[in-house]
PDB file of all heavy atoms in Angstrom:
ATOM      1  N   ASN A   1      18.244  -4.150 -13.732  1.00  0.00           N
ATOM      2  CA  ASN A   1      18.350  -2.758 -14.175  1.00  0.00           C
ATOM      3  C   ASN A   1      18.273  -2.636 -15.693  1.00  0.00           C
ATOM      4  O   ASN A   1      17.675  -1.693 -16.216  1.00  0.00           O
ATOM      5  CB  ASN A   1      19.645  -2.133 -13.649  1.00  0.00           C
ATOM      6  CG  ASN A   1      19.590  -1.926 -12.153  1.00  0.00           C
ATOM      7  OD1 ASN A   1      18.529  -1.650 -11.600  1.00  0.00           O
ATOM      8  ND2 ASN A   1      20.722  -2.068 -11.488  1.00  0.00           N
ATOM      9  N   LYS A   2      18.847  -3.595 -16.425  1.00  0.00           N
ATOM     10  CA  LYS A   2      18.763  -3.559 -17.894  1.00  0.00           C
ATOM     11  C   LYS A   2      17.336  -3.845 -18.364  1.00  0.00           C
ATOM     12  O   LYS A   2      16.845  -3.221 -19.299  1.00  0.00           O
ATOM     13  CB  LYS A   2      19.733  -4.555 -18.507  1.00  0.00           C
ATOM     14  CG  LYS A   2      21.176  -4.126 -18.387  1.00  0.00           C
ATOM     15  CD  LYS A   2      22.101  -5.095 -19.077  1.00  0.00           C
ATOM     16  CE  LYS A   2      23.539  -4.638 -18.928  1.00  0.00           C
ATOM     17  NZ  LYS A   2      24.473  -5.561 -19.586  1.00  0.00           N
ATOM     18  N   ILE A   3      16.674  -4.795 -17.698  1.00  0.00           N
ATOM     19  CA  ILE A   3      15.278  -5.094 -18.045  1.00  0.00           C
ATOM     20  C   ILE A   3      14.409  -3.880 -17.774  1.00  0.00           C
ATOM     21  O   ILE A   3      13.561  -3.505 -18.590  1.00  0.00           O
ATOM     22  CB  ILE A   3      14.775  -6.321 -17.258  1.00  0.00           C
ATOM     23  CG1 ILE A   3      15.500  -7.576 -17.725  1.00  0.00           C
ATOM     24  CG2 ILE A   3      13.267  -6.489 -17.424  1.00  0.00           C
ATOM     25  CD1 ILE A   3      15.199  -8.796 -16.904  1.00  0.00           C
ATOM     26  N   LEU A   4      14.624  -3.225 -16.628  1.00  0.00           N
ATOM     27  CA  LEU A   4      13.859  -2.038 -16.276  1.00  0.00           C
ATOM     28  C   LEU A   4      14.081  -0.923 -17.293  1.00  0.00           C
ATOM     29  O   LEU A   4      13.127  -0.263 -17.719  1.00  0.00           O
ATOM     30  CB  LEU A   4      14.243  -1.557 -14.874  1.00  0.00           C
ATOM     31  CG  LEU A   4      13.584  -0.265 -14.415  1.00  0.00           C
ATOM     32  CD1 LEU A   4      12.081  -0.449 -14.280  1.00  0.00           C
ATOM     33  CD2 LEU A   4      14.179   0.195 -13.106  1.00  0.00           C
ATOM     34  N   LYS A   5      15.315  -0.731 -17.706  1.00  0.00           N
ATOM     35  CA  LYS A   5      15.622   0.308 -18.694  1.00  0.00           C
ATOM     36  C   LYS A   5      14.886   0.048 -20.004  1.00  0.00           C
ATOM     37  O   LYS A   5      14.314   0.969 -20.603  1.00  0.00           O
ATOM     38  CB  LYS A   5      17.132   0.353 -18.926  1.00  0.00           C
ATOM     39  CG  LYS A   5      17.588   1.444 -19.848  1.00  0.00           C
ATOM     40  CD  LYS A   5      19.100   1.445 -19.968  1.00  0.00           C
ATOM     41  CE  LYS A   5      19.546   2.508 -20.940  1.00  0.00           C
ATOM     42  NZ  LYS A   5      21.009   2.493 -21.113  1.00  0.00           N
ATOM     43  N   ASP A   6      14.875  -1.202 -20.459  1.00  0.00           N
ATOM     44  CA  ASP A   6      14.165  -1.546 -21.700  1.00  0.00           C
ATOM     45  C   ASP A   6      12.658  -1.388 -21.544  1.00  0.00           C
ATOM     46  O   ASP A   6      11.977  -0.919 -22.461  1.00  0.00           O
ATOM     47  CB  ASP A   6      14.497  -2.973 -22.122  1.00  0.00           C
ATOM     48  CG  ASP A   6      15.935  -3.116 -22.595  1.00  0.00           C
ATOM     49  OD1 ASP A   6      16.559  -2.087 -22.944  1.00  0.00           O
ATOM     50  OD2 ASP A   6      16.441  -4.258 -22.595  1.00  0.00           O
ATOM     51  N   LEU A   7      12.109  -1.792 -20.380  1.00  0.00           N
ATOM     52  CA  LEU A   7      10.671  -1.652 -20.145  1.00  0.00           C
ATOM     53  C   LEU A   7      10.263  -0.183 -20.130  1.00  0.00           C
ATOM     54  O   LEU A   7       9.239   0.200 -20.718  1.00  0.00           O
ATOM     55  CB  LEU A   7      10.274  -2.312 -18.822  1.00  0.00           C
ATOM     56  CG  LEU A   7      10.274  -3.838 -18.775  1.00  0.00           C
ATOM     57  CD1 LEU A   7      10.068  -4.328 -17.355  1.00  0.00           C
ATOM     58  CD2 LEU A   7       9.224  -4.408 -19.687  1.00  0.00           C
ATOM     59  N   LYS A   8      11.046   0.660 -19.473  1.00  0.00           N
ATOM     60  CA  LYS A   8      10.728   2.082 -19.391  1.00  0.00           C
ATOM     61  C   LYS A   8      10.760   2.733 -20.772  1.00  0.00           C
ATOM     62  O   LYS A   8       9.889   3.540 -21.110  1.00  0.00           O
ATOM     63  CB  LYS A   8      11.719   2.786 -18.452  1.00  0.00           C
ATOM     64  CG  LYS A   8      11.475   2.493 -16.990  1.00  0.00           C
ATOM     65  CD  LYS A   8      12.591   2.905 -16.075  1.00  0.00           C
ATOM     66  CE  LYS A   8      13.028   4.323 -16.206  1.00  0.00           C
ATOM     67  NZ  LYS A   8      14.006   4.715 -15.161  1.00  0.00           N
ATOM     68  N   LYS A   9      11.743   2.348 -21.574  1.00  0.00           N
ATOM     69  CA  LYS A   9      11.858   2.928 -22.915  1.00  0.00           C
ATOM     70  C   LYS A   9      10.743   2.415 -23.830  1.00  0.00           C
ATOM     71  O   LYS A   9      10.184   3.172 -24.620  1.00  0.00           O
ATOM     72  CB  LYS A   9      13.219   2.584 -23.510  1.00  0.00           C
ATOM     73  CG  LYS A   9      13.510   3.308 -24.805  1.00  0.00           C
ATOM     74  CD  LYS A   9      14.930   3.065 -25.246  1.00  0.00           C
ATOM     75  CE  LYS A   9      15.823   3.977 -24.432  1.00  0.00           C
ATOM     76  NZ  LYS A   9      17.174   4.084 -24.993  1.00  0.00           N
ATOM     77  N   GLU A  10      10.416   1.147 -23.707  1.00  0.00           N
ATOM     78  CA  GLU A  10       9.404   0.528 -24.574  1.00  0.00           C
ATOM     79  C   GLU A  10       8.000   1.065 -24.291  1.00  0.00           C
ATOM     80  O   GLU A  10       7.226   1.315 -25.215  1.00  0.00           O
ATOM     81  CB  GLU A  10       9.429  -0.990 -24.362  1.00  0.00           C
ATOM     82  CG  GLU A  10       8.446  -1.768 -25.187  1.00  0.00           C
ATOM     83  CD  GLU A  10       8.962  -2.052 -26.589  1.00  0.00           C
ATOM     84  OE1 GLU A  10      10.169  -1.969 -26.815  1.00  0.00           O
ATOM     85  OE2 GLU A  10       8.115  -2.360 -27.437  1.00  0.00           O
ATOM     86  N   PHE A  11       7.652   1.235 -23.008  1.00  0.00           N
ATOM     87  CA  PHE A  11       6.273   1.580 -22.646  1.00  0.00           C
ATOM     88  C   PHE A  11       6.093   3.026 -22.201  1.00  0.00           C
ATOM     89  O   PHE A  11       5.016   3.406 -21.760  1.00  0.00           O
ATOM     90  CB  PHE A  11       5.764   0.648 -21.535  1.00  0.00           C
ATOM     91  CG  PHE A  11       5.923  -0.807 -21.881  1.00  0.00           C
ATOM     92  CD1 PHE A  11       6.469  -1.678 -20.967  1.00  0.00           C
ATOM     93  CD2 PHE A  11       5.547  -1.299 -23.115  1.00  0.00           C
ATOM     94  CE1 PHE A  11       6.627  -3.021 -21.275  1.00  0.00           C
ATOM     95  CE2 PHE A  11       5.707  -2.637 -23.441  1.00  0.00           C
ATOM     96  CZ  PHE A  11       6.248  -3.492 -22.514  1.00  0.00           C
ATOM     97  N   CYS A  12       7.145   3.828 -22.293  1.00  0.00           N
ATOM     98  CA  CYS A  12       7.076   5.256 -21.941  1.00  0.00           C
ATOM     99  C   CYS A  12       6.493   5.470 -20.542  1.00  0.00           C
ATOM    100  O   CYS A  12       5.513   6.199 -20.364  1.00  0.00           O
ATOM    101  CB  CYS A  12       6.276   6.035 -22.976  1.00  0.00           C
ATOM    102  SG  CYS A  12       6.955   5.951 -24.624  1.00  0.00           S
ATOM    103  N   CYS A  13       7.086   4.810 -19.567  1.00  0.00           N
ATOM    104  CA  CYS A  13       6.638   4.963 -18.186  1.00  0.00           C
ATOM    105  C   CYS A  13       7.862   4.992 -17.289  1.00  0.00           C
ATOM    106  O   CYS A  13       8.964   4.650 -17.716  1.00  0.00           O
ATOM    107  CB  CYS A  13       5.690   3.837 -17.776  1.00  0.00           C
ATOM    108  SG  CYS A  13       6.463   2.223 -17.745  1.00  0.00           S
ATOM    109  N   ASN A  14       7.680   5.392 -16.062  1.00  0.00           N
ATOM    110  CA  ASN A  14       8.770   5.405 -15.106  1.00  0.00           C
ATOM    111  C   ASN A  14       8.723   4.126 -14.278  1.00  0.00           C
ATOM    112  O   ASN A  14       7.700   3.454 -14.213  1.00  0.00           O
ATOM    113  CB  ASN A  14       8.673   6.631 -14.197  1.00  0.00           C
ATOM    114  CG  ASN A  14       9.991   6.958 -13.541  1.00  0.00           C
ATOM    115  OD1 ASN A  14      11.002   6.321 -13.820  1.00  0.00           O
ATOM    116  ND2 ASN A  14       9.977   7.944 -12.667  1.00  0.00           N
ATOM    117  N   GLY A  15       9.843   3.785 -13.639  1.00  0.00           N
ATOM    118  CA  GLY A  15       9.875   2.584 -12.831  1.00  0.00           C
ATOM    119  C   GLY A  15      11.123   2.519 -11.993  1.00  0.00           C
ATOM    120  O   GLY A  15      12.025   3.348 -12.123  1.00  0.00           O
ATOM    121  N   THR A  16      11.172   1.508 -11.127  1.00  0.00           N
ATOM    122  CA  THR A  16      12.309   1.319 -10.236  1.00  0.00           C
ATOM    123  C   THR A  16      12.420  -0.150  -9.859  1.00  0.00           C
ATOM    124  O   THR A  16      11.475  -0.922 -10.014  1.00  0.00           O
ATOM    125  CB  THR A  16      12.167   2.192  -8.968  1.00  0.00           C
ATOM    126  OG1 THR A  16      13.350   2.076  -8.206  1.00  0.00           O
ATOM    127  CG2 THR A  16      10.978   1.774  -8.143  1.00  0.00           C
ATOM    128  N   VAL A  17      13.612  -0.513  -9.346  1.00  0.00           N
ATOM    129  CA  VAL A  17      13.831  -1.853  -8.807  1.00  0.00           C
ATOM    130  C   VAL A  17      13.886  -1.720  -7.293  1.00  0.00           C
ATOM    131  O   VAL A  17      14.665  -0.939  -6.759  1.00  0.00           O
ATOM    132  CB  VAL A  17      15.140  -2.474  -9.333  1.00  0.00           C
ATOM    133  CG1 VAL A  17      15.389  -3.824  -8.689  1.00  0.00           C
ATOM    134  CG2 VAL A  17      15.100  -2.613 -10.840  1.00  0.00           C
ATOM    135  N   VAL A  18      13.030  -2.470  -6.601  1.00  0.00           N
ATOM    136  CA  VAL A  18      12.916  -2.394  -5.142  1.00  0.00           C
ATOM    137  C   VAL A  18      13.414  -3.709  -4.552  1.00  0.00           C
ATOM    138  O   VAL A  18      13.087  -4.788  -5.049  1.00  0.00           O
ATOM    139  CB  VAL A  18      11.440  -2.151  -4.727  1.00  0.00           C
ATOM    140  CG1 VAL A  18      11.296  -2.140  -3.232  1.00  0.00           C
ATOM    141  CG2 VAL A  18      10.933  -0.871  -5.327  1.00  0.00           C
ATOM    142  N   GLN A  19      14.211  -3.619  -3.496  1.00  0.00           N
ATOM    143  CA  GLN A  19      14.688  -4.812  -2.792  1.00  0.00           C
ATOM    144  C   GLN A  19      13.739  -5.109  -1.636  1.00  0.00           C
ATOM    145  O   GLN A  19      13.629  -4.327  -0.703  1.00  0.00           O
ATOM    146  CB  GLN A  19      16.113  -4.587  -2.274  1.00  0.00           C
ATOM    147  CG  GLN A  19      16.696  -5.777  -1.560  1.00  0.00           C
ATOM    148  CD  GLN A  19      16.919  -6.967  -2.480  1.00  0.00           C
ATOM    149  OE1 GLN A  19      17.239  -6.804  -3.644  1.00  0.00           O
ATOM    150  NE2 GLN A  19      16.732  -8.155  -1.954  1.00  0.00           N
ATOM    151  N   ASP A  20      13.029  -6.238  -1.715  1.00  0.00           N
ATOM    152  CA  ASP A  20      12.090  -6.645  -0.671  1.00  0.00           C
ATOM    153  C   ASP A  20      12.705  -7.793   0.120  1.00  0.00           C
ATOM    154  O   ASP A  20      13.278  -8.708  -0.474  1.00  0.00           O
ATOM    155  CB  ASP A  20      10.777  -7.088  -1.317  1.00  0.00           C
ATOM    156  CG  ASP A  20       9.686  -7.315  -0.300  1.00  0.00           C
ATOM    157  OD1 ASP A  20       9.062  -6.333   0.125  1.00  0.00           O
ATOM    158  OD2 ASP A  20       9.467  -8.483   0.062  1.00  0.00           O
ATOM    159  N   PRO A  21      12.592  -7.782   1.455  1.00  0.00           N
ATOM    160  CA  PRO A  21      13.214  -8.856   2.243  1.00  0.00           C
ATOM    161  C   PRO A  21      12.608 -10.236   1.987  1.00  0.00           C
ATOM    162  O   PRO A  21      13.309 -11.234   2.042  1.00  0.00           O
ATOM    163  CB  PRO A  21      12.999  -8.426   3.696  1.00  0.00           C
ATOM    164  CG  PRO A  21      11.994  -7.342   3.664  1.00  0.00           C
ATOM    165  CD  PRO A  21      11.992  -6.755   2.301  1.00  0.00           C
ATOM    166  N   GLU A  22      11.318 -10.316   1.697  1.00  0.00           N
ATOM    167  CA  GLU A  22      10.668 -11.609   1.460  1.00  0.00           C
ATOM    168  C   GLU A  22      10.716 -12.020  -0.006  1.00  0.00           C
ATOM    169  O   GLU A  22      10.948 -13.177  -0.328  1.00  0.00           O
ATOM    170  CB  GLU A  22       9.212 -11.552   1.910  1.00  0.00           C
ATOM    171  CG  GLU A  22       9.020 -11.410   3.396  1.00  0.00           C
ATOM    172  CD  GLU A  22       7.566 -11.320   3.771  1.00  0.00           C
ATOM    173  OE1 GLU A  22       6.704 -11.510   2.889  1.00  0.00           O
ATOM    174  OE2 GLU A  22       7.275 -11.052   4.945  1.00  0.00           O
ATOM    175  N   LEU A  23      10.480 -11.072  -0.906  1.00  0.00           N
ATOM    176  CA  LEU A  23      10.314 -11.393  -2.317  1.00  0.00           C
ATOM    177  C   LEU A  23      11.577 -11.212  -3.146  1.00  0.00           C
ATOM    178  O   LEU A  23      11.604 -11.594  -4.307  1.00  0.00           O
ATOM    179  CB  LEU A  23       9.196 -10.522  -2.908  1.00  0.00           C
ATOM    180  CG  LEU A  23       7.850 -10.590  -2.175  1.00  0.00           C
ATOM    181  CD1 LEU A  23       6.888  -9.585  -2.770  1.00  0.00           C
ATOM    182  CD2 LEU A  23       7.280 -11.985  -2.250  1.00  0.00           C
ATOM    183  N   GLY A  24      12.610 -10.614  -2.586  1.00  0.00           N
ATOM    184  CA  GLY A  24      13.821 -10.352  -3.353  1.00  0.00           C
ATOM    185  C   GLY A  24      13.660  -9.068  -4.151  1.00  0.00           C
ATOM    186  O   GLY A  24      13.011  -8.126  -3.714  1.00  0.00           O
ATOM    187  N   GLN A  25      14.240  -9.041  -5.342  1.00  0.00           N
ATOM    188  CA  GLN A  25      14.138  -7.851  -6.170  1.00  0.00           C
ATOM    189  C   GLN A  25      12.810  -7.848  -6.926  1.00  0.00           C
ATOM    190  O   GLN A  25      12.409  -8.846  -7.506  1.00  0.00           O
ATOM    191  CB  GLN A  25      15.293  -7.778  -7.157  1.00  0.00           C
ATOM    192  CG  GLN A  25      16.615  -7.452  -6.502  1.00  0.00           C
ATOM    193  CD  GLN A  25      17.711  -7.213  -7.518  1.00  0.00           C
ATOM    194  OE1 GLN A  25      17.737  -7.859  -8.551  1.00  0.00           O
ATOM    195  NE2 GLN A  25      18.606  -6.294  -7.209  1.00  0.00           N
ATOM    196  N   VAL A  26      12.149  -6.683  -6.913  1.00  0.00           N
ATOM    197  CA  VAL A  26      10.863  -6.512  -7.562  1.00  0.00           C
ATOM    198  C   VAL A  26      10.948  -5.288  -8.458  1.00  0.00           C
ATOM    199  O   VAL A  26      11.417  -4.233  -8.048  1.00  0.00           O
ATOM    200  CB  VAL A  26       9.732  -6.333  -6.519  1.00  0.00           C
ATOM    201  CG1 VAL A  26       8.399  -6.111  -7.200  1.00  0.00           C
ATOM    202  CG2 VAL A  26       9.658  -7.528  -5.603  1.00  0.00           C
ATOM    203  N   ILE A  27      10.490  -5.420  -9.697  1.00  0.00           N
ATOM    204  CA  ILE A  27      10.435  -4.290 -10.619  1.00  0.00           C
ATOM    205  C   ILE A  27       9.074  -3.632 -10.469  1.00  0.00           C
ATOM    206  O   ILE A  27       8.040  -4.306 -10.529  1.00  0.00           O
ATOM    207  CB  ILE A  27      10.646  -4.755 -12.070  1.00  0.00           C
ATOM    208  CG1 ILE A  27      12.039  -5.342 -12.231  1.00  0.00           C
ATOM    209  CG2 ILE A  27      10.430  -3.603 -13.033  1.00  0.00           C
ATOM    210  CD1 ILE A  27      12.297  -5.914 -13.612  1.00  0.00           C
ATOM    211  N   GLN A  28       9.063  -2.314 -10.273  1.00  0.00           N
ATOM    212  CA  GLN A  28       7.820  -1.550 -10.181  1.00  0.00           C
ATOM    213  C   GLN A  28       7.742  -0.598 -11.360  1.00  0.00           C
ATOM    214  O   GLN A  28       8.701   0.113 -11.649  1.00  0.00           O
ATOM    215  CB  GLN A  28       7.764  -0.741  -8.890  1.00  0.00           C
ATOM    216  CG  GLN A  28       7.556  -1.550  -7.654  1.00  0.00           C
ATOM    217  CD  GLN A  28       7.424  -0.673  -6.415  1.00  0.00           C
ATOM    218  OE1 GLN A  28       7.771   0.494  -6.427  1.00  0.00           O
ATOM    219  NE2 GLN A  28       6.918  -1.260  -5.350  1.00  0.00           N
ATOM    220  N   LEU A  29       6.592  -0.573 -12.029  1.00  0.00           N
ATOM    221  CA  LEU A  29       6.352   0.325 -13.153  1.00  0.00           C
ATOM    222  C   LEU A  29       5.096   1.143 -12.885  1.00  0.00           C
ATOM    223  O   LEU A  29       4.149   0.648 -12.274  1.00  0.00           O
ATOM    224  CB  LEU A  29       6.164  -0.465 -14.452  1.00  0.00           C
ATOM    225  CG  LEU A  29       7.346  -1.285 -14.921  1.00  0.00           C
ATOM    226  CD1 LEU A  29       6.924  -2.192 -16.067  1.00  0.00           C
ATOM    227  CD2 LEU A  29       8.467  -0.379 -15.364  1.00  0.00           C
ATOM    228  N   GLN A  30       5.072   2.374 -13.384  1.00  0.00           N
ATOM    229  CA  GLN A  30       3.890   3.211 -13.232  1.00  0.00           C
ATOM    230  C   GLN A  30       2.827   2.792 -14.233  1.00  0.00           C
ATOM    231  O   GLN A  30       3.126   2.510 -15.392  1.00  0.00           O
ATOM    232  CB  GLN A  30       4.234   4.680 -13.451  1.00  0.00           C
ATOM    233  CG  GLN A  30       5.012   5.291 -12.328  1.00  0.00           C
ATOM    234  CD  GLN A  30       5.284   6.765 -12.578  1.00  0.00           C
ATOM    235  OE1 GLN A  30       5.076   7.273 -13.657  1.00  0.00           O
ATOM    236  NE2 GLN A  30       5.750   7.444 -11.547  1.00  0.00           N
ATOM    237  N   GLY A  31       1.590   2.755 -13.774  1.00  0.00           N
ATOM    238  CA  GLY A  31       0.459   2.455 -14.645  1.00  0.00           C
ATOM    239  C   GLY A  31       0.180   0.964 -14.744  1.00  0.00           C
ATOM    240  O   GLY A  31       0.886   0.127 -14.182  1.00  0.00           O
ATOM    241  N   ASP A  32      -0.867   0.637 -15.486  1.00  0.00           N
ATOM    242  CA  ASP A  32      -1.264  -0.757 -15.697  1.00  0.00           C
ATOM    243  C   ASP A  32      -0.535  -1.275 -16.931  1.00  0.00           C
ATOM    244  O   ASP A  32      -0.971  -1.087 -18.056  1.00  0.00           O
ATOM    245  CB  ASP A  32      -2.787  -0.845 -15.871  1.00  0.00           C
ATOM    246  CG  ASP A  32      -3.275  -2.276 -15.945  1.00  0.00           C
ATOM    247  OD1 ASP A  32      -2.452  -3.200 -15.792  1.00  0.00           O
ATOM    248  OD2 ASP A  32      -4.486  -2.469 -16.153  1.00  0.00           O
ATOM    249  N   GLN A  33       0.572  -1.947 -16.713  1.00  0.00           N
ATOM    250  CA  GLN A  33       1.413  -2.442 -17.801  1.00  0.00           C
ATOM    251  C   GLN A  33       1.433  -3.973 -17.846  1.00  0.00           C
ATOM    252  O   GLN A  33       2.359  -4.558 -18.395  1.00  0.00           O
ATOM    253  CB  GLN A  33       2.847  -1.923 -17.618  1.00  0.00           C
ATOM    254  CG  GLN A  33       2.993  -0.444 -17.474  1.00  0.00           C
ATOM    255  CD  GLN A  33       2.690   0.312 -18.751  1.00  0.00           C
ATOM    256  OE1 GLN A  33       2.687  -0.248 -19.833  1.00  0.00           O
ATOM    257  NE2 GLN A  33       2.404   1.596 -18.622  1.00  0.00           N
ATOM    258  N   ARG A  34       0.421  -4.629 -17.296  1.00  0.00           N
ATOM    259  CA  ARG A  34       0.446  -6.089 -17.178  1.00  0.00           C
ATOM    260  C   ARG A  34       0.549  -6.787 -18.524  1.00  0.00           C
ATOM    261  O   ARG A  34       1.409  -7.648 -18.717  1.00  0.00           O
ATOM    262  CB  ARG A  34      -0.793  -6.591 -16.434  1.00  0.00           C
ATOM    263  CG  ARG A  34      -0.807  -6.216 -14.970  1.00  0.00           C
ATOM    264  CD  ARG A  34      -2.088  -6.612 -14.317  1.00  0.00           C
ATOM    265  NE  ARG A  34      -3.174  -5.798 -14.857  1.00  0.00           N
ATOM    266  CZ  ARG A  34      -4.447  -5.969 -14.591  1.00  0.00           C
ATOM    267  NH1 ARG A  34      -4.817  -6.932 -13.784  1.00  0.00           N
ATOM    268  NH2 ARG A  34      -5.353  -5.183 -15.105  1.00  0.00           N
ATOM    269  N   LYS A  35      -0.298  -6.438 -19.466  1.00  0.00           N
ATOM    270  CA  LYS A  35      -0.266  -7.097 -20.775  1.00  0.00           C
ATOM    271  C   LYS A  35       1.002  -6.755 -21.540  1.00  0.00           C
ATOM    272  O   LYS A  35       1.580  -7.610 -22.214  1.00  0.00           O
ATOM    273  CB  LYS A  35      -1.503  -6.706 -21.581  1.00  0.00           C
ATOM    274  CG  LYS A  35      -2.776  -7.286 -21.030  1.00  0.00           C
ATOM    275  CD  LYS A  35      -3.960  -6.933 -21.879  1.00  0.00           C
ATOM    276  CE  LYS A  35      -5.230  -7.489 -21.266  1.00  0.00           C
ATOM    277  NZ  LYS A  35      -6.414  -7.118 -22.041  1.00  0.00           N
ATOM    278  N   ASN A  36       1.440  -5.513 -21.418  1.00  0.00           N
ATOM    279  CA  ASN A  36       2.658  -5.097 -22.104  1.00  0.00           C
ATOM    280  C   ASN A  36       3.874  -5.852 -21.581  1.00  0.00           C
ATOM    281  O   ASN A  36       4.699  -6.339 -22.361  1.00  0.00           O
ATOM    282  CB  ASN A  36       2.883  -3.587 -21.922  1.00  0.00           C
ATOM    283  CG  ASN A  36       1.803  -2.767 -22.570  1.00  0.00           C
ATOM    284  OD1 ASN A  36       1.132  -3.207 -23.488  1.00  0.00           O
ATOM    285  ND2 ASN A  36       1.622  -1.557 -22.083  1.00  0.00           N
ATOM    286  N   VAL A  37       3.996  -5.964 -20.257  1.00  0.00           N
ATOM    287  CA  VAL A  37       5.131  -6.656 -19.665  1.00  0.00           C
ATOM    288  C   VAL A  37       5.087  -8.135 -20.015  1.00  0.00           C
ATOM    289  O   VAL A  37       6.124  -8.749 -20.308  1.00  0.00           O
ATOM    290  CB  VAL A  37       5.156  -6.447 -18.129  1.00  0.00           C
ATOM    291  CG1 VAL A  37       6.194  -7.326 -17.470  1.00  0.00           C
ATOM    292  CG2 VAL A  37       5.410  -4.994 -17.804  1.00  0.00           C
TER     293      VAL A  37
END
């Protein structure tokens, strides 16, 4: 949640943390933020 908060503030996008049964916790961000992340 702290990482998500910093990412959202840094890149001006929305996002959430999703709990996946196979992958565990996954951070989702809106837009193509691959290089930024």
